[in-house]
PDB file of N, CA and C in Angstrom:
ATOM      1  N   MET A   1       0.807  -1.199   0.000  1.00  0.00           N
ATOM      2  CA  MET A   1       0.000   0.000   0.000  1.00  0.00           C
ATOM      3  C   MET A   1       0.851   1.264   0.000  1.00  0.00           C
ATOM      4  N   ASP A   2       2.115   1.138   0.357  1.00  0.00           N
ATOM      5  CA  ASP A   2       2.981   2.318   0.360  1.00  0.00           C
ATOM      6  C   ASP A   2       3.123   2.904  -1.039  1.00  0.00           C
ATOM      7  N   TYR A   3       3.126   2.036  -2.047  1.00  0.00           N
ATOM      8  CA  TYR A   3       3.278   2.543  -3.412  1.00  0.00           C
ATOM      9  C   TYR A   3       2.074   3.370  -3.832  1.00  0.00           C
ATOM     10  N   VAL A   4       0.893   3.042  -3.318  1.00  0.00           N
ATOM     11  CA  VAL A   4      -0.299   3.823  -3.655  1.00  0.00           C
ATOM     12  C   VAL A   4      -0.187   5.227  -3.049  1.00  0.00           C
ATOM     13  N   SER A   5       0.206   5.307  -1.799  1.00  0.00           N
ATOM     14  CA  SER A   5       0.333   6.611  -1.155  1.00  0.00           C
ATOM     15  C   SER A   5       1.483   7.416  -1.762  1.00  0.00           C
ATOM     16  N   ALA A   6       2.466   6.746  -2.340  1.00  0.00           N
ATOM     17  CA  ALA A   6       3.564   7.453  -2.989  1.00  0.00           C
ATOM     18  C   ALA A   6       3.152   7.974  -4.364  1.00  0.00           C
ATOM     19  N   LEU A   7       2.222   7.301  -5.027  1.00  0.00           N
ATOM     20  CA  LEU A   7       1.812   7.698  -6.372  1.00  0.00           C
ATOM     21  C   LEU A   7       0.663   8.702  -6.412  1.00  0.00           C
ATOM     22  N   VAL A   8      -0.110   8.794  -5.337  1.00  0.00           N
ATOM     23  CA  VAL A   8      -1.286   9.662  -5.355  1.00  0.00           C
ATOM     24  C   VAL A   8      -0.924  11.143  -5.551  1.00  0.00           C
ATOM     25  N   PRO A   9       0.003  11.726  -4.805  1.00  0.00           N
ATOM     26  CA  PRO A   9       0.293  13.156  -5.013  1.00  0.00           C
ATOM     27  C   PRO A   9       0.749  13.503  -6.439  1.00  0.00           C
ATOM     28  N   PRO A  10       1.666  12.743  -7.057  1.00  0.00           N
ATOM     29  CA  PRO A  10       2.037  13.093  -8.426  1.00  0.00           C
ATOM     30  C   PRO A  10       0.883  12.949  -9.421  1.00  0.00           C
ATOM     31  N   VAL A  11       0.037  11.961  -9.219  1.00  0.00           N
ATOM     32  CA  VAL A  11      -1.102  11.775 -10.119  1.00  0.00           C
ATOM     33  C   VAL A  11      -2.084  12.932  -9.967  1.00  0.00           C
ATOM     34  N   VAL A  12      -2.354  13.341  -8.736  1.00  0.00           N
ATOM     35  CA  VAL A  12      -3.263  14.463  -8.494  1.00  0.00           C
ATOM     36  C   VAL A  12      -2.693  15.733  -9.119  1.00  0.00           C
ATOM     37  N   MET A  13      -1.408  15.976  -8.950  1.00  0.00           N
ATOM     38  CA  MET A  13      -0.784  17.159  -9.530  1.00  0.00           C
ATOM     39  C   MET A  13      -0.810  17.105 -11.055  1.00  0.00           C
ATOM     40  N   ALA A  14      -0.612  15.941 -11.632  1.00  0.00           N
ATOM     41  CA  ALA A  14      -0.645  15.803 -13.087  1.00  0.00           C
ATOM     42  C   ALA A  14      -2.041  16.099 -13.619  1.00  0.00           C
ATOM     43  N   VAL A  15      -3.059  15.616 -12.948  1.00  0.00           N
ATOM     44  CA  VAL A  15      -4.440  15.877 -13.372  1.00  0.00           C
ATOM     45  C   VAL A  15      -4.741  17.369 -13.239  1.00  0.00           C
ATOM     46  N   PHE A  16      -4.341  17.975 -12.128  1.00  0.00           N
ATOM     47  CA  PHE A  16      -4.569  19.404 -11.932  1.00  0.00           C
ATOM     48  C   PHE A  16      -3.851  20.225 -13.001  1.00  0.00           C
ATOM     49  N   PHE A  17      -2.599  19.898 -13.277  1.00  0.00           N
ATOM     50  CA  PHE A  17      -1.816  20.630 -14.261  1.00  0.00           C
ATOM     51  C   PHE A  17      -2.434  20.491 -15.652  1.00  0.00           C
ATOM     52  N   THR A  18      -2.849  19.289 -16.008  1.00  0.00           N
ATOM     53  CA  THR A  18      -3.479  19.062 -17.305  1.00  0.00           C
ATOM     54  C   THR A  18      -4.771  19.868 -17.429  1.00  0.00           C
ATOM     55  N   THR A  19      -5.575  19.875 -16.373  1.00  0.00           N
ATOM     56  CA  THR A  19      -6.812  20.646 -16.370  1.00  0.00           C
ATOM     57  C   THR A  19      -6.515  22.141 -16.511  1.00  0.00           C
ATOM     58  N   LEU A  20      -5.500  22.616 -15.832  1.00  0.00           N
ATOM     59  CA  LEU A  20      -5.116  24.016 -15.920  1.00  0.00           C
ATOM     60  C   LEU A  20      -4.705  24.393 -17.342  1.00  0.00           C
ATOM     61  N   ILE A  21      -3.877  23.568 -17.963  1.00  0.00           N
ATOM     62  CA  ILE A  21      -3.427  23.835 -19.326  1.00  0.00           C
ATOM     63  C   ILE A  21      -4.602  23.822 -20.299  1.00  0.00           C
ATOM     64  N   VAL A  22      -5.484  22.862 -20.166  1.00  0.00           N
ATOM     65  CA  VAL A  22      -6.656  22.779 -21.051  1.00  0.00           C
ATOM     66  C   VAL A  22      -7.526  24.021 -20.883  1.00  0.00           C
ATOM     67  N   THR A  23      -7.719  24.464 -19.650  1.00  0.00           N
ATOM     68  CA  THR A  23      -8.524  25.661 -19.394  1.00  0.00           C
ATOM     69  C   THR A  23      -7.881  26.891 -20.015  1.00  0.00           C
ATOM     70  N   ILE A  24      -6.575  27.026 -19.878  1.00  0.00           N
ATOM     71  CA  ILE A  24      -5.872  28.171 -20.460  1.00  0.00           C
ATOM     72  C   ILE A  24      -5.993  28.159 -21.973  1.00  0.00           C
ATOM     73  N   VAL A  25      -5.800  27.013 -22.582  1.00  0.00           N
ATOM     74  CA  VAL A  25      -5.861  26.919 -24.036  1.00  0.00           C
ATOM     75  C   VAL A  25      -7.272  27.212 -24.536  1.00  0.00           C
ATOM     76  N   LYS A  26      -8.277  26.712 -23.848  1.00  0.00           N
ATOM     77  CA  LYS A  26      -9.661  26.942 -24.276  1.00  0.00           C
ATOM     78  C   LYS A  26     -10.066  28.400 -24.120  1.00  0.00           C
ATOM     79  N   SER A  27      -9.497  29.101 -23.154  1.00  0.00           N
ATOM     80  CA  SER A  27      -9.899  30.488 -22.927  1.00  0.00           C
ATOM     81  C   SER A  27      -9.187  31.459 -23.867  1.00  0.00           C
ATOM     82  N   GLN A  28      -8.235  30.985 -24.640  1.00  0.00           N
ATOM     83  CA  GLN A  28      -7.550  31.852 -25.594  1.00  0.00           C
ATOM     84  C   GLN A  28      -8.408  32.021 -26.833  1.00  0.00           C
ATOM     85  N   GLY A  29      -8.473  33.243 -27.331  1.00  0.00           N
ATOM     86  CA  GLY A  29      -9.241  33.494 -28.543  1.00  0.00           C
ATOM     87  C   GLY A  29     -10.730  33.485 -28.287  1.00  0.00           C
ATOM     88  N   GLY A  30     -11.488  33.454 -29.346  1.00  0.00           N
ATOM     89  CA  GLY A  30     -12.946  33.416 -29.248  1.00  0.00           C
ATOM     90  C   GLY A  30     -13.518  34.705 -28.697  1.00  0.00           C
ATOM     91  N   PRO A  31     -14.689  34.627 -28.106  1.00  0.00           N
ATOM     92  CA  PRO A  31     -15.344  35.834 -27.602  1.00  0.00           C
ATOM     93  C   PRO A  31     -14.601  36.466 -26.425  1.00  0.00           C
ATOM     94  N   ASN A  32     -13.854  35.671 -25.670  1.00  0.00           N
ATOM     95  CA  ASN A  32     -13.119  36.222 -24.530  1.00  0.00           C
ATOM     96  C   ASN A  32     -11.962  37.100 -24.980  1.00  0.00           C
ATOM     97  N   LYS A  33     -11.406  36.822 -26.153  1.00  0.00           N
ATOM     98  CA  LYS A  33     -10.238  37.563 -26.614  1.00  0.00           C
ATOM     99  C   LYS A  33     -10.547  39.041 -26.781  1.00  0.00           C
ATOM    100  N   ALA A  34     -11.682  39.383 -27.336  1.00  0.00           N
ATOM    101  CA  ALA A  34     -12.042  40.786 -27.531  1.00  0.00           C
ATOM    102  C   ALA A  34     -12.178  41.507 -26.190  1.00  0.00           C
ATOM    103  N   LYS A  35     -12.792  40.846 -25.206  1.00  0.00           N
ATOM    104  CA  LYS A  35     -12.940  41.466 -23.888  1.00  0.00           C
ATOM    105  C   LYS A  35     -11.582  41.662 -23.229  1.00  0.00           C
ATOM    106  N   GLU A  36     -10.714  40.650 -23.317  1.00  0.00           N
ATOM    107  CA  GLU A  36      -9.395  40.758 -22.707  1.00  0.00           C
ATOM    108  C   GLU A  36      -8.574  41.845 -23.386  1.00  0.00           C
ATOM    109  N   ASP A  37      -8.637  41.907 -24.710  1.00  0.00           N
ATOM    110  CA  ASP A  37      -7.886  42.927 -25.438  1.00  0.00           C
ATOM    111  C   ASP A  37      -8.387  44.326 -25.092  1.00  0.00           C
ATOM    112  N   ALA A  38      -9.692  44.492 -24.977  1.00  0.00           N
ATOM    113  CA  ALA A  38     -10.248  45.793 -24.630  1.00  0.00           C
ATOM    114  C   ALA A  38      -9.824  46.209 -23.227  1.00  0.00           C
ATOM    115  N   PHE A  39      -9.807  45.263 -22.305  1.00  0.00           N
ATOM    116  CA  PHE A  39      -9.400  45.552 -20.928  1.00  0.00           C
ATOM    117  C   PHE A  39      -7.935  45.985 -20.886  1.00  0.00           C
ATOM    118  N   VAL A  40      -7.082  45.278 -21.599  1.00  0.00           N
ATOM    119  CA  VAL A  40      -5.659  45.611 -21.632  1.00  0.00           C
ATOM    120  C   VAL A  40      -5.446  46.961 -22.305  1.00  0.00           C
ATOM    121  N   ASP A  41      -6.141  47.205 -23.401  1.00  0.00           N
ATOM    122  CA  ASP A  41      -6.015  48.493 -24.083  1.00  0.00           C
ATOM    123  C   ASP A  41      -6.443  49.646 -23.178  1.00  0.00           C
ATOM    124  N   ALA A  42      -7.511  49.457 -22.415  1.00  0.00           N
ATOM    125  CA  ALA A  42      -7.973  50.497 -21.504  1.00  0.00           C
ATOM    126  C   ALA A  42      -6.952  50.738 -20.393  1.00  0.00           C
ATOM    127  N   ALA A  43      -6.367  49.672 -19.871  1.00  0.00           N
ATOM    128  CA  ALA A  43      -5.362  49.824 -18.823  1.00  0.00           C
ATOM    129  C   ALA A  43      -4.134  50.550 -19.345  1.00  0.00           C
ATOM    130  N   ILE A  44      -3.712  50.226 -20.556  1.00  0.00           N
ATOM    131  CA  ILE A  44      -2.558  50.903 -21.156  1.00  0.00           C
ATOM    132  C   ILE A  44      -2.878  52.377 -21.382  1.00  0.00           C
ATOM    133  N   ALA A  45      -4.074  52.675 -21.855  1.00  0.00           N
ATOM    134  CA  ALA A  45      -4.470  54.063 -22.085  1.00  0.00           C
ATOM    135  C   ALA A  45      -4.477  54.857 -20.780  1.00  0.00           C
ATOM    136  N   ARG A  46      -4.971  54.247 -19.686  1.00  0.00           N
ATOM    137  CA  ARG A  46      -4.955  54.929 -18.388  1.00  0.00           C
ATOM    138  C   ARG A  46      -3.528  55.187 -17.926  1.00  0.00           C
ATOM    139  N   ALA A  47      -2.652  54.210 -18.122  1.00  0.00           N
ATOM    140  CA  ALA A  47      -1.255  54.378 -17.716  1.00  0.00           C
ATOM    141  C   ALA A  47      -0.583  55.481 -18.535  1.00  0.00           C
ATOM    142  N   GLU A  48      -0.854  55.497 -19.820  1.00  0.00           N
ATOM    143  CA  GLU A  48      -0.278  56.544 -20.680  1.00  0.00           C
ATOM    144  C   GLU A  48      -0.800  57.921 -20.281  1.00  0.00           C
ATOM    145  N   ALA A  49      -2.100  58.025 -19.983  1.00  0.00           N
ATOM    146  CA  ALA A  49      -2.674  59.304 -19.577  1.00  0.00           C
ATOM    147  C   ALA A  49      -2.063  59.765 -18.260  1.00  0.00           C
ATOM    148  N   ALA A  50      -1.863  58.854 -17.342  1.00  0.00           N
ATOM    149  CA  ALA A  50      -1.251  59.211 -16.053  1.00  0.00           C
ATOM    150  C   ALA A  50       0.188  59.664 -16.260  1.00  0.00           C
ATOM    151  N   ARG A  51       0.909  59.009 -17.138  1.00  0.00           N
ATOM    152  CA  ARG A  51       2.292  59.391 -17.407  1.00  0.00           C
ATOM    153  C   ARG A  51       2.360  60.768 -18.064  1.00  0.00           C
ATOM    154  N   GLN A  52       1.436  61.044 -18.983  1.00  0.00           N
ATOM    155  CA  GLN A  52       1.408  62.352 -19.633  1.00  0.00           C
ATOM    156  C   GLN A  52       1.065  63.458 -18.631  1.00  0.00           C
ATOM    157  N   THR A  53       0.158  63.159 -17.700  1.00  0.00           N
ATOM    158  CA  THR A  53      -0.215  64.125 -16.678  1.00  0.00           C
ATOM    159  C   THR A  53       0.974  64.450 -15.786  1.00  0.00           C
ATOM    160  N   VAL A  54       1.727  63.423 -15.408  1.00  0.00           N
ATOM    161  CA  VAL A  54       2.884  63.633 -14.540  1.00  0.00           C
ATOM    162  C   VAL A  54       3.954  64.428 -15.291  1.00  0.00           C
ATOM    163  N   LYS A  55       4.201  64.127 -16.551  1.00  0.00           N
ATOM    164  CA  LYS A  55       5.199  64.849 -17.320  1.00  0.00           C
ATOM    165  C   LYS A  55       4.779  66.286 -17.582  1.00  0.00           C
ATOM    166  N   GLY A  56       3.466  66.530 -17.695  1.00  0.00           N
ATOM    167  CA  GLY A  56       2.958  67.861 -17.996  1.00  0.00           C
ATOM    168  C   GLY A  56       3.049  68.814 -16.821  1.00  0.00           C
ATOM    169  N   ASP A  57       3.075  68.273 -15.599  1.00  0.00           N
ATOM    170  CA  ASP A  57       3.101  69.136 -14.400  1.00  0.00           C
ATOM    171  C   ASP A  57       4.446  69.698 -14.134  1.00  0.00           C
TER     172      ASP A  57
END
Protein backbone atom coordinates (compact mmCIF):
# COMPACT_ATOMS: atom_id res chain seq x y z
CA MET A 1 0.00 0.00 0.00
CA ASP A 2 2.98 2.32 0.36
CA TYR A 3 3.28 2.54 -3.41
CA VAL A 4 -0.30 3.82 -3.65
CA SER A 5 0.33 6.61 -1.15
CA ALA A 6 3.56 7.45 -2.99
CA LEU A 7 1.81 7.70 -6.37
CA VAL A 8 -1.29 9.66 -5.35
CA PRO A 9 0.29 13.16 -5.01
CA PRO A 10 2.04 13.09 -8.43
CA VAL A 11 -1.10 11.78 -10.12
CA VAL A 12 -3.26 14.46 -8.49
CA MET A 13 -0.78 17.16 -9.53
CA ALA A 14 -0.65 15.80 -13.09
CA VAL A 15 -4.44 15.88 -13.37
CA PHE A 16 -4.57 19.40 -11.93
CA PHE A 17 -1.82 20.63 -14.26
CA THR A 18 -3.48 19.06 -17.31
CA THR A 19 -6.81 20.65 -16.37
CA LEU A 20 -5.12 24.02 -15.92
CA ILE A 21 -3.43 23.84 -19.33
CA VAL A 22 -6.66 22.78 -21.05
CA THR A 23 -8.52 25.66 -19.39
CA ILE A 24 -5.87 28.17 -20.46
CA VAL A 25 -5.86 26.92 -24.04
CA LYS A 26 -9.66 26.94 -24.28
CA SER A 27 -9.90 30.49 -22.93
CA GLN A 28 -7.55 31.85 -25.59
CA GLY A 29 -9.24 33.49 -28.54
CA GLY A 30 -12.95 33.42 -29.25
CA PRO A 31 -15.34 35.83 -27.60
CA ASN A 32 -13.12 36.22 -24.53
CA LYS A 33 -10.24 37.56 -26.61
CA ALA A 34 -12.04 40.79 -27.53
CA LYS A 35 -12.94 41.47 -23.89
CA GLU A 36 -9.40 40.76 -22.71
CA ASP A 37 -7.89 42.93 -25.44
CA ALA A 38 -10.25 45.79 -24.63
CA PHE A 39 -9.40 45.55 -20.93
CA VAL A 40 -5.66 45.61 -21.63
CA ASP A 41 -6.01 48.49 -24.08
CA ALA A 42 -7.97 50.50 -21.50
CA ALA A 43 -5.36 49.82 -18.82
CA ILE A 44 -2.56 50.90 -21.16
CA ALA A 45 -4.47 54.06 -22.09
CA ARG A 46 -4.95 54.93 -18.39
CA ALA A 47 -1.26 54.38 -17.72
CA GLU A 48 -0.28 56.54 -20.68
CA ALA A 49 -2.67 59.30 -19.58
CA ALA A 50 -1.25 59.21 -16.05
CA ARG A 51 2.29 59.39 -17.41
CA GLN A 52 1.41 62.35 -19.63
CA THR A 53 -0.22 64.12 -16.68
CA VAL A 54 2.88 63.63 -14.54
CA LYS A 55 5.20 64.85 -17.32
CA GLY A 56 2.96 67.86 -18.00
CA ASP A 57 3.10 69.14 -14.40
